Protein backbone atom coordinates (compact mmCIF):
# COMPACT_ATOMS: atom_id res chain seq x y z
CA MET A 1 209.85 -11.71 -4.64
CA ALA A 2 208.31 -8.04 -6.17
CA ILE A 3 209.53 -5.18 -7.83
CA PHE A 4 208.23 -1.55 -6.77
CA ASP A 5 208.91 1.86 -7.32
CA LEU A 6 211.06 2.83 -10.50
CA PHE A 7 210.84 -0.47 -12.21
CA SER A 8 206.99 -0.84 -11.94
CA GLY A 9 206.09 1.11 -14.64
CA LYS A 10 207.21 4.80 -13.66
CA ALA A 11 210.04 6.79 -15.36
CA GLN A 12 213.41 5.18 -15.68
CA ASN A 13 216.92 6.69 -16.10
CA ASP A 14 220.72 5.84 -15.83
CA LEU A 15 220.34 6.64 -12.01
CA SER A 16 217.45 4.38 -11.67
CA ASP A 17 217.56 1.08 -9.23
CA LEU A 18 215.46 -2.00 -8.90
CA ASP A 19 213.56 -1.83 -5.63
CA ARG A 20 212.64 -5.70 -4.40
CA LEU A 21 210.43 -7.11 -1.60
CA VAL A 22 211.48 -10.46 -0.79
CA GLU A 23 209.47 -12.99 1.76
CA PHE A 24 211.82 -15.22 3.55
CA LYS A 25 210.64 -18.25 5.56
CA ASP A 26 213.60 -19.09 7.19
CA LYS A 27 216.12 -16.81 8.90
CA ILE A 28 217.69 -14.60 6.37
CA GLU A 29 221.78 -14.82 7.30
CA ILE A 30 224.12 -14.44 4.30
CA ARG A 31 221.48 -15.81 1.71
CA TYR A 32 219.92 -12.39 1.66
CA ILE A 33 223.38 -10.23 0.88
CA ASN A 34 224.14 -13.28 -1.92
CA LEU A 35 221.03 -13.02 -3.31
CA ALA A 36 220.89 -9.36 -3.52
CA GLU A 37 224.34 -9.40 -5.11
CA GLU A 38 223.36 -12.20 -7.96
CA VAL A 39 220.36 -10.21 -8.62
CA GLU A 40 222.85 -6.86 -9.21
CA ASN A 41 225.07 -9.07 -11.68
CA MET A 42 222.02 -10.35 -13.71
CA VAL A 43 220.83 -7.03 -14.28
CA GLY A 44 223.74 -4.51 -14.08
CA PHE A 45 222.32 -1.94 -11.95
CA LYS A 46 221.96 -1.29 -8.17
CA VAL A 47 218.99 -3.54 -6.48
CA ASP A 48 218.07 -2.14 -3.34
CA SER A 49 216.13 -4.70 -1.09
CA VAL A 50 213.70 -4.90 0.88
CA SER A 51 212.78 -7.43 3.63
CA LYS A 52 208.63 -7.95 3.89
CA ASN A 53 209.11 -9.28 7.59
CA GLY A 54 211.08 -6.18 8.36
CA ILE A 55 209.27 -3.40 6.75
CA GLU A 56 206.46 -1.13 8.67
CA GLU A 57 203.09 -1.45 7.82
CA LYS A 58 202.77 1.79 6.77
CA TYR A 59 205.60 1.83 4.01
CA LEU A 60 204.43 -1.71 3.36
CA ARG A 61 200.78 -0.28 2.53
CA THR A 62 202.37 2.71 0.56
CA ILE A 63 204.18 0.48 -2.23
CA ASP A 64 201.43 -2.36 -2.10
CA PRO A 65 199.85 -0.82 -4.92
CA ASP A 66 202.91 -0.64 -7.10
CA LEU A 67 204.17 -4.74 -6.34
CA ILE A 68 204.66 -6.87 -8.94
CA ASP A 69 205.37 -10.13 -8.49
CA VAL A 70 207.83 -11.67 -10.26
């Protein structure tokens, strides 16, 4: 899992959310949704989740410089 965008070092404010890139080896199913909810509950604000397998290569190249593995 990696975070990117605002929480990777750019300016944050009250409207900021956490963007995370996740990669699963198996089917995602309900585990993907549950994991997103768990992270939101831990950090106390909105978490946007993107599957590495579901993002177009051109967008992955755009966010790659900002990715921080966690």
